[in-house]
Amino acid sequence: MSTIMTDLDDLLARRIRREREARGWSIATLAAESGVSRAMISKIERAEASPTAALLGRLSGALGLTISALLARAEGDAGGGRVSRAASQQLWTDPGTGYRRRALSPPGAEPELVQVELPPGARIAYPAASYRFLRGQVVWLESGTLIIREGEEETTLGPGDALAYDLTTPRDCEFHNPSGMEDCRYIVTLSRR
């Protein structure tokens, strides 16, 4: 696991602490609500550890936010406006899988646009709680192959294919790049409730 921290890691550390404190929660309360250990939450809030995508899913769900909303709030703490310049778009890398996420739209924009690069063979799992605050989500595959599992349902996407989520009853999801050779790249649009 990489120990290289980014500016976004620092912003995310402060944002998670602010979200927790805004709810009047102790670290122990957030740990109980999310299933993430107190020690790990403490390390994340001190920017001593970079959370994985799966861990962010558990924390954001406990805080009543989507992962994307949590990251957007952290990115918004750096300032911004109506224009999201390519040079200043924050890139976050999951230290566990190498998954790379770039917010394309300005923080707080509706819908939100996110570009993801998933390395060969990587799998990212998100609990249903990560989706319960969304009104809609669409995934559009730019390149490679992407397998999306929603509960027991599995959909394979090729370049140019798009999948609209049924969020009436959110389910656990997994994104998988089955290729052993190339990244898959996709765009996600998110609309919050």
C-alpha atoms as a PDB file:
ATOM      1  CA  MET A   1       0.000   0.000   0.000  1.00  0.00           C
ATOM      2  CA  SER A   2       1.335   3.430  -0.956  1.00  0.00           C
ATOM      3  CA  THR A   3       2.010   5.947   1.787  1.00  0.00           C
ATOM      4  CA  ILE A   4       2.223   8.887  -0.632  1.00  0.00           C
ATOM      5  CA  MET A   5      -0.337  11.481   0.451  1.00  0.00           C
ATOM      6  CA  THR A   6      -1.845  14.117  -1.827  1.00  0.00           C
ATOM      7  CA  ASP A   7      -3.381  17.531  -1.297  1.00  0.00           C
ATOM      8  CA  LEU A   8      -6.769  15.845  -1.648  1.00  0.00           C
ATOM      9  CA  ASP A   9      -5.865  13.458   1.190  1.00  0.00           C
ATOM     10  CA  ASP A  10      -5.282  16.480   3.440  1.00  0.00           C
ATOM     11  CA  LEU A  11      -8.553  18.083   2.346  1.00  0.00           C
ATOM     12  CA  LEU A  12     -10.382  14.780   2.828  1.00  0.00           C
ATOM     13  CA  ALA A  13      -8.918  14.335   6.320  1.00  0.00           C
ATOM     14  CA  ARG A  14     -10.199  17.753   7.385  1.00  0.00           C
ATOM     15  CA  ARG A  15     -13.576  17.232   5.680  1.00  0.00           C
ATOM     16  CA  ILE A  16     -14.240  13.876   7.389  1.00  0.00           C
ATOM     17  CA  ARG A  17     -13.406  15.408  10.770  1.00  0.00           C
ATOM     18  CA  ARG A  18     -15.679  18.409  10.037  1.00  0.00           C
ATOM     19  CA  GLU A  19     -18.558  16.163   8.939  1.00  0.00           C
ATOM     20  CA  ARG A  20     -18.156  14.026  12.073  1.00  0.00           C
ATOM     21  CA  GLU A  21     -17.957  17.044  14.379  1.00  0.00           C
ATOM     22  CA  ALA A  22     -20.931  18.754  12.662  1.00  0.00           C
ATOM     23  CA  ARG A  23     -23.022  15.766  13.741  1.00  0.00           C
ATOM     24  CA  GLY A  24     -21.684  15.970  17.282  1.00  0.00           C
ATOM     25  CA  TRP A  25     -20.123  12.524  16.887  1.00  0.00           C
ATOM     26  CA  SER A  26     -17.021  11.194  18.558  1.00  0.00           C
ATOM     27  CA  ILE A  27     -14.616   9.012  16.640  1.00  0.00           C
ATOM     28  CA  ALA A  28     -16.128   6.056  18.521  1.00  0.00           C
ATOM     29  CA  THR A  29     -19.620   6.965  17.245  1.00  0.00           C
ATOM     30  CA  LEU A  30     -18.427   7.199  13.637  1.00  0.00           C
ATOM     31  CA  ALA A  31     -16.629   3.871  14.115  1.00  0.00           C
ATOM     32  CA  ALA A  32     -19.827   2.223  15.394  1.00  0.00           C
ATOM     33  CA  GLU A  33     -21.938   3.708  12.572  1.00  0.00           C
ATOM     34  CA  SER A  34     -19.478   2.831   9.793  1.00  0.00           C
ATOM     35  CA  GLY A  35     -17.835  -0.368  10.963  1.00  0.00           C
ATOM     36  CA  VAL A  36     -14.419   1.280  10.496  1.00  0.00           C
ATOM     37  CA  SER A  37     -12.029   1.039  13.455  1.00  0.00           C
ATOM     38  CA  ARG A  38     -11.431   4.071  15.664  1.00  0.00           C
ATOM     39  CA  ALA A  39      -7.701   3.759  15.027  1.00  0.00           C
ATOM     40  CA  MET A  40      -8.192   3.914  11.241  1.00  0.00           C
ATOM     41  CA  ILE A  41     -10.571   6.884  11.469  1.00  0.00           C
ATOM     42  CA  SER A  42      -8.073   8.682  13.681  1.00  0.00           C
ATOM     43  CA  LYS A  43      -5.254   8.016  11.177  1.00  0.00           C
ATOM     44  CA  ILE A  44      -7.416   9.247   8.287  1.00  0.00           C
ATOM     45  CA  GLU A  45      -8.419  12.419  10.151  1.00  0.00           C
ATOM     46  CA  ARG A  46      -4.756  13.149  10.894  1.00  0.00           C
ATOM     47  CA  ALA A  47      -3.899  12.514   7.196  1.00  0.00           C
ATOM     48  CA  GLU A  48      -1.600   9.672   8.231  1.00  0.00           C
ATOM     49  CA  ALA A  49      -3.476   7.144   6.076  1.00  0.00           C
ATOM     50  CA  SER A  50      -5.213   7.464   2.726  1.00  0.00           C
ATOM     51  CA  PRO A  51      -8.583   5.685   2.783  1.00  0.00           C
ATOM     52  CA  THR A  52      -9.486   3.101   0.167  1.00  0.00           C
ATOM     53  CA  ALA A  53     -12.618   3.489  -1.954  1.00  0.00           C
ATOM     54  CA  ALA A  54     -14.358   0.730   0.033  1.00  0.00           C
ATOM     55  CA  LEU A  55     -13.502   2.426   3.328  1.00  0.00           C
ATOM     56  CA  LEU A  56     -14.720   5.791   2.003  1.00  0.00           C
ATOM     57  CA  GLY A  57     -17.985   4.080   1.065  1.00  0.00           C
ATOM     58  CA  ARG A  58     -18.480   2.943   4.646  1.00  0.00           C
ATOM     59  CA  LEU A  59     -17.576   6.337   6.139  1.00  0.00           C
ATOM     60  CA  SER A  60     -19.637   8.379   3.685  1.00  0.00           C
ATOM     61  CA  GLY A  61     -22.676   6.093   4.128  1.00  0.00           C
ATOM     62  CA  ALA A  62     -22.478   6.508   7.908  1.00  0.00           C
ATOM     63  CA  LEU A  63     -22.286  10.289   7.453  1.00  0.00           C
ATOM     64  CA  GLY A  64     -25.353  10.266   5.185  1.00  0.00           C
ATOM     65  CA  LEU A  65     -23.364  11.215   2.088  1.00  0.00           C
ATOM     66  CA  THR A  66     -22.343   9.544  -1.125  1.00  0.00           C
ATOM     67  CA  ILE A  67     -18.625   8.989  -1.654  1.00  0.00           C
ATOM     68  CA  SER A  68     -18.802  11.484  -4.450  1.00  0.00           C
ATOM     69  CA  ALA A  69     -20.488  14.108  -2.254  1.00  0.00           C
ATOM     70  CA  LEU A  70     -17.865  13.628   0.464  1.00  0.00           C
ATOM     71  CA  LEU A  71     -15.027  14.004  -2.041  1.00  0.00           C
ATOM     72  CA  ALA A  72     -16.760  16.968  -3.703  1.00  0.00           C
ATOM     73  CA  ARG A  73     -17.062  18.722  -0.349  1.00  0.00           C
ATOM     74  CA  ALA A  74     -13.380  18.078   0.328  1.00  0.00           C
ATOM     75  CA  GLU A  75     -12.492  19.394  -3.136  1.00  0.00           C
ATOM     76  CA  GLY A  76     -14.761  22.388  -2.578  1.00  0.00           C
ATOM     77  CA  ASP A  77     -12.806  23.260   0.565  1.00  0.00           C
ATOM     78  CA  ALA A  78      -9.922  24.156  -1.768  1.00  0.00           C
ATOM     79  CA  GLY A  79     -12.051  26.851  -3.386  1.00  0.00           C
ATOM     80  CA  GLY A  80     -13.480  27.006  -6.860  1.00  0.00           C
ATOM     81  CA  GLY A  81     -16.381  28.371  -8.791  1.00  0.00           C
ATOM     82  CA  ARG A  82     -18.484  27.582 -11.829  1.00  0.00           C
ATOM     83  CA  VAL A  83     -15.542  26.487 -13.966  1.00  0.00           C
ATOM     84  CA  SER A  84     -13.504  23.374 -13.281  1.00  0.00           C
ATOM     85  CA  ARG A  85     -10.155  23.863 -15.027  1.00  0.00           C
ATOM     86  CA  ALA A  86      -8.402  20.659 -16.083  1.00  0.00           C
ATOM     87  CA  ALA A  87      -5.164  21.758 -14.426  1.00  0.00           C
ATOM     88  CA  SER A  88      -6.850  22.151 -11.027  1.00  0.00           C
ATOM     89  CA  GLN A  89      -9.114  19.094 -11.053  1.00  0.00           C
ATOM     90  CA  GLN A  90      -8.268  16.940  -8.079  1.00  0.00           C
ATOM     91  CA  LEU A  91      -7.073  13.395  -8.774  1.00  0.00           C
ATOM     92  CA  TRP A  92      -7.596  10.878  -5.966  1.00  0.00           C
ATOM     93  CA  THR A  93      -5.976   7.454  -6.050  1.00  0.00           C
ATOM     94  CA  ASP A  94      -7.211   4.505  -3.987  1.00  0.00           C
ATOM     95  CA  PRO A  95      -4.069   3.232  -2.243  1.00  0.00           C
ATOM     96  CA  GLY A  96      -5.440  -0.317  -2.180  1.00  0.00           C
ATOM     97  CA  THR A  97      -6.294  -0.833  -5.847  1.00  0.00           C
ATOM     98  CA  GLY A  98      -4.788   2.049  -7.808  1.00  0.00           C
ATOM     99  CA  TYR A  99      -8.315   3.217  -8.807  1.00  0.00           C
ATOM    100  CA  ARG A 100      -8.049   6.864  -9.940  1.00  0.00           C
ATOM    101  CA  ARG A 101     -10.913   9.357  -9.612  1.00  0.00           C
ATOM    102  CA  ARG A 102     -11.041  12.858 -11.088  1.00  0.00           C
ATOM    103  CA  ALA A 103     -13.900  15.269 -10.419  1.00  0.00           C
ATOM    104  CA  LEU A 104     -14.692  16.831 -13.805  1.00  0.00           C
ATOM    105  CA  SER A 105     -17.482  19.172 -12.731  1.00  0.00           C
ATOM    106  CA  PRO A 106     -17.069  22.076 -10.302  1.00  0.00           C
ATOM    107  CA  PRO A 107     -17.731  21.084  -6.663  1.00  0.00           C
ATOM    108  CA  GLY A 108     -21.446  21.052  -5.892  1.00  0.00           C
ATOM    109  CA  ALA A 109     -22.551  21.027  -9.561  1.00  0.00           C
ATOM    110  CA  GLU A 110     -25.652  19.013 -10.508  1.00  0.00           C
ATOM    111  CA  PRO A 111     -25.312  16.547 -12.019  1.00  0.00           C
ATOM    112  CA  GLU A 112     -21.824  15.734 -10.895  1.00  0.00           C
ATOM    113  CA  LEU A 113     -19.380  14.291 -13.436  1.00  0.00           C
ATOM    114  CA  VAL A 114     -16.554  12.007 -12.339  1.00  0.00           C
ATOM    115  CA  GLN A 115     -13.941  10.276 -14.489  1.00  0.00           C
ATOM    116  CA  VAL A 116     -12.569   6.965 -13.219  1.00  0.00           C
ATOM    117  CA  GLU A 117      -9.641   4.826 -14.350  1.00  0.00           C
ATOM    118  CA  LEU A 118      -9.738   1.269 -13.018  1.00  0.00           C
ATOM    119  CA  PRO A 119      -6.467  -0.691 -13.335  1.00  0.00           C
ATOM    120  CA  PRO A 120      -6.329  -4.171 -14.898  1.00  0.00           C
ATOM    121  CA  GLY A 121      -7.918  -6.807 -12.673  1.00  0.00           C
ATOM    122  CA  ALA A 122      -9.041  -4.258 -10.051  1.00  0.00           C
ATOM    123  CA  ARG A 123     -12.321  -4.615  -8.161  1.00  0.00           C
ATOM    124  CA  ILE A 124     -14.008  -1.849  -6.193  1.00  0.00           C
ATOM    125  CA  ALA A 125     -16.956  -2.718  -3.945  1.00  0.00           C
ATOM    126  CA  TYR A 126     -19.430  -0.171  -2.603  1.00  0.00           C
ATOM    127  CA  PRO A 127     -22.093  -0.881   0.026  1.00  0.00           C
ATOM    128  CA  ALA A 128     -25.715  -0.048  -0.757  1.00  0.00           C
ATOM    129  CA  ALA A 129     -25.474   2.812   1.768  1.00  0.00           C
ATOM    130  CA  SER A 130     -23.182   4.609  -0.695  1.00  0.00           C
ATOM    131  CA  TYR A 131     -26.115   4.985  -3.110  1.00  0.00           C
ATOM    132  CA  ARG A 132     -29.095   5.690  -0.878  1.00  0.00           C
ATOM    133  CA  PHE A 133     -28.600   9.453  -1.155  1.00  0.00           C
ATOM    134  CA  LEU A 134     -28.601   9.498  -4.953  1.00  0.00           C
ATOM    135  CA  ARG A 135     -31.521  10.249  -7.222  1.00  0.00           C
ATOM    136  CA  GLY A 136     -29.734   8.938 -10.291  1.00  0.00           C
ATOM    137  CA  GLN A 137     -26.445   7.536 -11.537  1.00  0.00           C
ATOM    138  CA  VAL A 138     -25.249   6.680 -15.032  1.00  0.00           C
ATOM    139  CA  VAL A 139     -21.942   5.027 -15.945  1.00  0.00           C
ATOM    140  CA  TRP A 140     -20.595   5.550 -19.501  1.00  0.00           C
ATOM    141  CA  LEU A 141     -17.560   3.480 -20.527  1.00  0.00           C
ATOM    142  CA  GLU A 142     -14.909   5.341 -22.528  1.00  0.00           C
ATOM    143  CA  SER A 143     -12.429   2.486 -22.994  1.00  0.00           C
ATOM    144  CA  GLY A 144     -11.750  -1.089 -21.930  1.00  0.00           C
ATOM    145  CA  THR A 145     -14.274  -3.491 -20.412  1.00  0.00           C
ATOM    146  CA  LEU A 146     -16.176  -2.948 -17.168  1.00  0.00           C
ATOM    147  CA  ILE A 147     -18.285  -5.461 -15.276  1.00  0.00           C
ATOM    148  CA  ILE A 148     -20.767  -3.924 -12.845  1.00  0.00           C
ATOM    149  CA  ARG A 149     -22.502  -6.135 -10.310  1.00  0.00           C
ATOM    150  CA  GLU A 150     -25.568  -4.708  -8.545  1.00  0.00           C
ATOM    151  CA  GLY A 151     -26.666  -7.237  -5.942  1.00  0.00           C
ATOM    152  CA  GLU A 152     -26.969 -10.453  -7.978  1.00  0.00           C
ATOM    153  CA  GLU A 153     -27.345  -8.677 -11.338  1.00  0.00           C
ATOM    154  CA  GLU A 154     -24.243  -8.365 -13.535  1.00  0.00           C
ATOM    155  CA  THR A 155     -23.792  -6.092 -16.556  1.00  0.00           C
ATOM    156  CA  THR A 156     -20.766  -6.039 -18.863  1.00  0.00           C
ATOM    157  CA  LEU A 157     -20.047  -2.735 -20.622  1.00  0.00           C
ATOM    158  CA  GLY A 158     -17.885  -2.145 -23.700  1.00  0.00           C
ATOM    159  CA  PRO A 159     -16.647   1.198 -25.057  1.00  0.00           C
ATOM    160  CA  GLY A 160     -19.541   3.603 -25.620  1.00  0.00           C
ATOM    161  CA  ASP A 161     -22.007   1.549 -23.510  1.00  0.00           C
ATOM    162  CA  ALA A 162     -23.903   3.211 -20.662  1.00  0.00           C
ATOM    163  CA  LEU A 163     -25.726   1.821 -17.623  1.00  0.00           C
ATOM    164  CA  ALA A 164     -28.400   3.737 -15.698  1.00  0.00           C
ATOM    165  CA  TYR A 165     -28.783   2.542 -12.124  1.00  0.00           C
ATOM    166  CA  ASP A 166     -32.096   1.578 -10.577  1.00  0.00           C
ATOM    167  CA  LEU A 167     -31.772   3.440  -7.289  1.00  0.00           C
ATOM    168  CA  THR A 168     -35.297   2.797  -6.010  1.00  0.00           C
ATOM    169  CA  THR A 169     -33.772   0.057  -3.850  1.00  0.00           C
ATOM    170  CA  PRO A 170     -29.991   0.565  -3.598  1.00  0.00           C
ATOM    171  CA  ARG A 171     -27.903  -2.615  -3.617  1.00  0.00           C
ATOM    172  CA  ASP A 172     -24.298  -3.434  -2.901  1.00  0.00           C
ATOM    173  CA  CYS A 173     -22.267  -2.849  -6.072  1.00  0.00           C
ATOM    174  CA  GLU A 174     -18.928  -3.932  -7.446  1.00  0.00           C
ATOM    175  CA  PHE A 175     -16.969  -2.493 -10.366  1.00  0.00           C
ATOM    176  CA  HIS A 176     -14.483  -4.899 -11.972  1.00  0.00           C
ATOM    177  CA  ASN A 177     -11.980  -4.458 -14.784  1.00  0.00           C
ATOM    178  CA  PRO A 178     -11.541  -8.034 -16.085  1.00  0.00           C
ATOM    179  CA  SER A 179      -8.631  -7.116 -18.356  1.00  0.00           C
ATOM    180  CA  GLY A 180      -5.202  -8.281 -17.398  1.00  0.00           C
ATOM    181  CA  MET A 181      -3.564  -5.704 -19.643  1.00  0.00           C
ATOM    182  CA  GLU A 182      -5.351  -2.348 -19.816  1.00  0.00           C
ATOM    183  CA  ASP A 183      -7.101   0.204 -17.651  1.00  0.00           C
ATOM    184  CA  CYS A 184     -10.773   0.813 -18.204  1.00  0.00           C
ATOM    185  CA  ARG A 185     -11.906   4.420 -18.160  1.00  0.00           C
ATOM    186  CA  TYR A 186     -15.439   5.564 -17.488  1.00  0.00           C
ATOM    187  CA  ILE A 187     -17.508   8.628 -16.672  1.00  0.00           C
ATOM    188  CA  VAL A 188     -20.071   8.598 -13.861  1.00  0.00           C
ATOM    189  CA  THR A 189     -22.883  11.150 -13.602  1.00  0.00           C
ATOM    190  CA  LEU A 190     -24.425  11.534 -10.162  1.00  0.00           C
ATOM    191  CA  SER A 191     -27.598  13.356  -9.179  1.00  0.00           C
ATOM    192  CA  ARG A 192     -28.248  13.775  -5.476  1.00  0.00           C
ATOM    193  CA  ARG A 193     -31.681  13.733  -3.867  1.00  0.00           C
END
